[in-house]
PDB file of N, CA and C in Angstrom:
ATOM      1  N   MET A   1     -33.006  44.570 -20.724  1.00  0.00           N
ATOM      2  CA  MET A   1     -33.071  44.784 -19.450  1.00  0.00           C
ATOM      3  C   MET A   1     -32.029  44.183 -18.797  1.00  0.00           C
ATOM      4  N   ILE A   2     -31.366  42.922 -18.858  1.00  0.00           N
ATOM      5  CA  ILE A   2     -30.327  42.345 -17.863  1.00  0.00           C
ATOM      6  C   ILE A   2     -29.101  43.105 -18.214  1.00  0.00           C
ATOM      7  N   VAL A   3     -28.850  43.830 -19.382  1.00  0.00           N
ATOM      8  CA  VAL A   3     -27.523  44.643 -19.642  1.00  0.00           C
ATOM      9  C   VAL A   3     -27.736  45.748 -18.476  1.00  0.00           C
ATOM     10  N   ILE A   4     -28.827  46.119 -18.044  1.00  0.00           N
ATOM     11  CA  ILE A   4     -28.605  47.278 -16.877  1.00  0.00           C
ATOM     12  C   ILE A   4     -27.830  46.863 -15.724  1.00  0.00           C
ATOM     13  N   PHE A   5     -28.160  45.269 -15.387  1.00  0.00           N
ATOM     14  CA  PHE A   5     -27.651  44.779 -14.145  1.00  0.00           C
ATOM     15  C   PHE A   5     -26.374  44.257 -14.501  1.00  0.00           C
ATOM     16  N   MET A   6     -25.849  43.823 -15.505  1.00  0.00           N
ATOM     17  CA  MET A   6     -24.861  42.993 -16.012  1.00  0.00           C
ATOM     18  C   MET A   6     -23.242  43.738 -16.317  1.00  0.00           C
ATOM     19  N   VAL A   7     -23.826  45.255 -16.600  1.00  0.00           N
ATOM     20  CA  VAL A   7     -22.818  46.083 -16.787  1.00  0.00           C
ATOM     21  C   VAL A   7     -22.035  46.444 -15.203  1.00  0.00           C
ATOM     22  N   PRO A   8     -22.793  46.975 -14.454  1.00  0.00           N
ATOM     23  CA  PRO A   8     -21.977  47.340 -13.152  1.00  0.00           C
ATOM     24  C   PRO A   8     -21.483  46.009 -12.266  1.00  0.00           C
ATOM     25  N   LEU A   9     -22.317  44.998 -12.811  1.00  0.00           N
ATOM     26  CA  LEU A   9     -21.544  43.623 -11.949  1.00  0.00           C
ATOM     27  C   LEU A   9     -19.970  43.299 -12.637  1.00  0.00           C
ATOM     28  N   ALA A  10     -20.118  43.317 -13.806  1.00  0.00           N
ATOM     29  CA  ALA A  10     -18.818  43.076 -14.422  1.00  0.00           C
ATOM     30  C   ALA A  10     -17.887  44.011 -14.008  1.00  0.00           C
ATOM     31  N   MET A  11     -18.158  45.396 -13.946  1.00  0.00           N
ATOM     32  CA  MET A  11     -17.102  46.464 -13.493  1.00  0.00           C
ATOM     33  C   MET A  11     -16.607  46.448 -12.359  1.00  0.00           C
ATOM     34  N   SER A  12     -17.799  45.232 -11.217  1.00  0.00           N
ATOM     35  CA  SER A  12     -17.557  45.347  -9.873  1.00  0.00           C
ATOM     36  C   SER A  12     -16.073  44.070 -10.012  1.00  0.00           C
ATOM     37  N   HIS A  13     -16.487  43.109 -10.749  1.00  0.00           N
ATOM     38  CA  HIS A  13     -15.649  42.092 -10.737  1.00  0.00           C
ATOM     39  C   HIS A  13     -14.384  42.170 -11.143  1.00  0.00           C
ATOM     40  N   ALA A  14     -14.276  43.002 -12.349  1.00  0.00           N
ATOM     41  CA  ALA A  14     -13.058  43.438 -12.928  1.00  0.00           C
ATOM     42  C   ALA A  14     -12.268  44.337 -11.919  1.00  0.00           C
ATOM     43  N   THR A  15     -13.083  45.332 -11.127  1.00  0.00           N
ATOM     44  CA  THR A  15     -12.033  46.155 -10.139  1.00  0.00           C
ATOM     45  C   THR A  15     -11.785  45.407  -9.001  1.00  0.00           C
ATOM     46  N   THR A  16     -12.477  44.110  -8.486  1.00  0.00           N
ATOM     47  CA  THR A  16     -11.783  43.560  -7.454  1.00  0.00           C
ATOM     48  C   THR A  16     -10.644  42.921  -7.797  1.00  0.00           C
ATOM     49  N   VAL A  17     -10.529  42.314  -9.143  1.00  0.00           N
ATOM     50  CA  VAL A  17      -9.185  41.940  -9.897  1.00  0.00           C
ATOM     51  C   VAL A  17      -8.178  42.750  -9.702  1.00  0.00           C
ATOM     52  N   ARG A  18      -8.441  44.007 -10.151  1.00  0.00           N
ATOM     53  CA  ARG A  18      -7.360  44.895 -10.203  1.00  0.00           C
ATOM     54  C   ARG A  18      -6.975  45.618  -8.994  1.00  0.00           C
ATOM     55  N   VAL A  19      -7.844  45.910  -8.033  1.00  0.00           N
ATOM     56  CA  VAL A  19      -7.459  46.275  -6.707  1.00  0.00           C
ATOM     57  C   VAL A  19      -6.510  45.104  -5.919  1.00  0.00           C
ATOM     58  N   GLY A  20      -6.936  43.875  -6.211  1.00  0.00           N
ATOM     59  CA  GLY A  20      -6.081  42.957  -5.718  1.00  0.00           C
ATOM     60  C   GLY A  20      -4.770  42.882  -6.133  1.00  0.00           C
ATOM     61  N   GLN A  21      -4.716  43.038  -7.546  1.00  0.00           N
ATOM     62  CA  GLN A  21      -3.238  42.886  -8.424  1.00  0.00           C
ATOM     63  C   GLN A  21      -2.633  44.268  -7.615  1.00  0.00           C
ATOM     64  N   TRP A  22      -3.177  45.270  -7.380  1.00  0.00           N
ATOM     65  CA  TRP A  22      -2.240  46.381  -6.807  1.00  0.00           C
ATOM     66  C   TRP A  22      -2.041  46.181  -5.358  1.00  0.00           C
ATOM     67  N   ILE A  23      -2.908  45.678  -4.789  1.00  0.00           N
ATOM     68  CA  ILE A  23      -2.470  45.394  -3.214  1.00  0.00           C
ATOM     69  C   ILE A  23      -1.196  44.314  -3.174  1.00  0.00           C
ATOM     70  N   GLY A  24      -1.508  43.167  -4.243  1.00  0.00           N
ATOM     71  CA  GLY A  24      -0.407  42.225  -4.417  1.00  0.00           C
ATOM     72  C   GLY A  24       0.918  42.909  -4.487  1.00  0.00           C
ATOM     73  N   LYS A  25       0.933  43.854  -5.144  1.00  0.00           N
ATOM     74  CA  LYS A  25       2.031  44.742  -5.678  1.00  0.00           C
ATOM     75  C   LYS A  25       2.460  45.683  -4.760  1.00  0.00           C
ATOM     76  N   ARG A  26       1.989  45.710  -3.540  1.00  0.00           N
ATOM     77  CA  ARG A  26       2.107  46.620  -2.386  1.00  0.00           C
ATOM     78  C   ARG A  26       1.949  48.219  -2.854  1.00  0.00           C
ATOM     79  N   ASN A  27       1.388  48.548  -3.817  1.00  0.00           N
ATOM     80  CA  ASN A  27       0.911  49.725  -4.039  1.00  0.00           C
ATOM     81  C   ASN A  27      -0.626  50.206  -3.864  1.00  0.00           C
ATOM     82  N   CYS A  28      -0.606  50.737  -2.584  1.00  0.00           N
ATOM     83  CA  CYS A  28      -2.024  51.090  -2.244  1.00  0.00           C
ATOM     84  C   CYS A  28      -2.385  52.454  -2.852  1.00  0.00           C
ATOM     85  N   GLN A  29      -1.774  53.603  -3.010  1.00  0.00           N
ATOM     86  CA  GLN A  29      -2.299  54.439  -4.045  1.00  0.00           C
ATOM     87  C   GLN A  29      -2.909  53.998  -5.223  1.00  0.00           C
ATOM     88  N   ALA A  30      -2.378  53.123  -6.264  1.00  0.00           N
ATOM     89  CA  ALA A  30      -2.925  52.869  -7.475  1.00  0.00           C
ATOM     90  C   ALA A  30      -4.239  51.970  -7.051  1.00  0.00           C
ATOM     91  N   ALA A  31      -4.188  51.152  -5.767  1.00  0.00           N
ATOM     92  CA  ALA A  31      -5.577  50.478  -5.517  1.00  0.00           C
ATOM     93  C   ALA A  31      -6.435  51.309  -5.324  1.00  0.00           C
ATOM     94  N   LYS A  32      -6.477  52.373  -4.463  1.00  0.00           N
ATOM     95  CA  LYS A  32      -7.448  53.402  -4.227  1.00  0.00           C
ATOM     96  C   LYS A  32      -7.740  54.162  -5.429  1.00  0.00           C
ATOM     97  N   GLN A  33      -7.009  54.341  -6.291  1.00  0.00           N
ATOM     98  CA  GLN A  33      -7.257  55.160  -7.585  1.00  0.00           C
ATOM     99  C   GLN A  33      -7.985  54.275  -8.496  1.00  0.00           C
ATOM    100  N   ALA A  34      -7.754  52.875  -8.573  1.00  0.00           N
ATOM    101  CA  ALA A  34      -8.658  51.918  -8.939  1.00  0.00           C
ATOM    102  C   ALA A  34     -10.288  51.741  -8.485  1.00  0.00           C
ATOM    103  N   GLY A  35     -10.289  51.974  -7.701  1.00  0.00           N
ATOM    104  CA  GLY A  35     -11.364  51.751  -6.646  1.00  0.00           C
ATOM    105  C   GLY A  35     -12.356  53.048  -6.894  1.00  0.00           C
ATOM    106  N   TYR A  36     -11.634  54.107  -6.702  1.00  0.00           N
ATOM    107  CA  TYR A  36     -12.486  54.841  -7.013  1.00  0.00           C
ATOM    108  C   TYR A  36     -12.874  55.650  -8.633  1.00  0.00           C
ATOM    109  N   LEU A  37     -12.138  54.981  -9.471  1.00  0.00           N
ATOM    110  CA  LEU A  37     -12.474  55.295 -10.870  1.00  0.00           C
ATOM    111  C   LEU A  37     -13.727  54.282 -11.046  1.00  0.00           C
ATOM    112  N   SER A  38     -13.449  53.044 -10.587  1.00  0.00           N
ATOM    113  CA  SER A  38     -14.520  52.081 -10.693  1.00  0.00           C
ATOM    114  C   SER A  38     -16.274  52.676 -10.164  1.00  0.00           C
ATOM    115  N   LEU A  39     -15.913  53.139  -9.130  1.00  0.00           N
ATOM    116  CA  LEU A  39     -16.952  53.825  -8.482  1.00  0.00           C
ATOM    117  C   LEU A  39     -17.744  54.925  -9.383  1.00  0.00           C
ATOM    118  N   GLY A  40     -16.638  55.899  -9.901  1.00  0.00           N
ATOM    119  CA  GLY A  40     -17.041  56.742 -10.732  1.00  0.00           C
ATOM    120  C   GLY A  40     -17.993  56.444 -12.157  1.00  0.00           C
ATOM    121  N   LEU A  41     -17.254  55.449 -12.328  1.00  0.00           N
ATOM    122  CA  LEU A  41     -17.786  54.889 -13.842  1.00  0.00           C
ATOM    123  C   LEU A  41     -19.050  54.144 -13.505  1.00  0.00           C
ATOM    124  N   SER A  42     -19.235  53.124 -12.638  1.00  0.00           N
ATOM    125  CA  SER A  42     -20.703  52.594 -12.416  1.00  0.00           C
ATOM    126  C   SER A  42     -21.281  53.608 -11.713  1.00  0.00           C
ATOM    127  N   GLY A  43     -21.308  54.670 -11.302  1.00  0.00           N
ATOM    128  CA  GLY A  43     -22.152  55.696 -10.835  1.00  0.00           C
ATOM    129  C   GLY A  43     -22.671  56.388 -12.224  1.00  0.00           C
ATOM    130  N   PHE A  44     -21.704  56.858 -13.310  1.00  0.00           N
ATOM    131  CA  PHE A  44     -22.180  57.441 -14.518  1.00  0.00           C
ATOM    132  C   PHE A  44     -23.048  56.569 -15.333  1.00  0.00           C
ATOM    133  N   PHE A  45     -22.632  55.148 -15.301  1.00  0.00           N
ATOM    134  CA  PHE A  45     -23.236  54.117 -16.270  1.00  0.00           C
ATOM    135  C   PHE A  45     -24.940  53.872 -15.757  1.00  0.00           C
ATOM    136  N   MET A  46     -24.821  54.097 -14.047  1.00  0.00           N
ATOM    137  CA  MET A  46     -26.228  53.983 -13.610  1.00  0.00           C
ATOM    138  C   MET A  46     -27.175  55.173 -13.726  1.00  0.00           C
ATOM    139  N   ALA A  47     -26.424  56.367 -13.975  1.00  0.00           N
ATOM    140  CA  ALA A  47     -27.304  57.882 -13.898  1.00  0.00           C
ATOM    141  C   ALA A  47     -27.543  57.630 -15.573  1.00  0.00           C
ATOM    142  N   ILE A  48     -26.677  57.416 -16.370  1.00  0.00           N
ATOM    143  CA  ILE A  48     -27.287  57.429 -17.756  1.00  0.00           C
ATOM    144  C   ILE A  48     -28.402  56.336 -17.926  1.00  0.00           C
ATOM    145  N   THR A  49     -27.905  55.375 -17.583  1.00  0.00           N
ATOM    146  CA  THR A  49     -29.342  54.184 -17.571  1.00  0.00           C
ATOM    147  C   THR A  49     -30.646  54.869 -17.104  1.00  0.00           C
ATOM    148  N   ALA A  50     -30.265  55.418 -15.862  1.00  0.00           N
ATOM    149  CA  ALA A  50     -31.877  55.907 -14.951  1.00  0.00           C
ATOM    150  C   ALA A  50     -32.257  57.067 -15.889  1.00  0.00           C
ATOM    151  N   ILE A  51     -31.595  57.814 -16.620  1.00  0.00           N
ATOM    152  CA  ILE A  51     -32.013  58.854 -17.550  1.00  0.00           C
ATOM    153  C   ILE A  51     -32.742  58.448 -18.635  1.00  0.00           C
ATOM    154  N   ALA A  52     -32.046  57.136 -19.339  1.00  0.00           N
ATOM    155  CA  ALA A  52     -32.750  56.628 -20.447  1.00  0.00           C
ATOM    156  C   ALA A  52     -34.253  56.136 -20.079  1.00  0.00           C
ATOM    157  N   LEU A  53     -34.094  55.271 -18.851  1.00  0.00           N
ATOM    158  CA  LEU A  53     -35.487  54.647 -18.339  1.00  0.00           C
ATOM    159  C   LEU A  53     -36.577  55.600 -18.056  1.00  0.00           C
TER     160      LEU A  53
END
């Protein structure tokens, strides 16, 4: 049961680091893309988990 919570949490932490790196490199387009990709993957995981439950 804890996996359901931990996977999106880990994705959010990884996204925070990745977006921060892109912002540090002054590449806003890549930061936006990384953020949207993370939202999509997290949403997909939550949908699959909801269906399984």
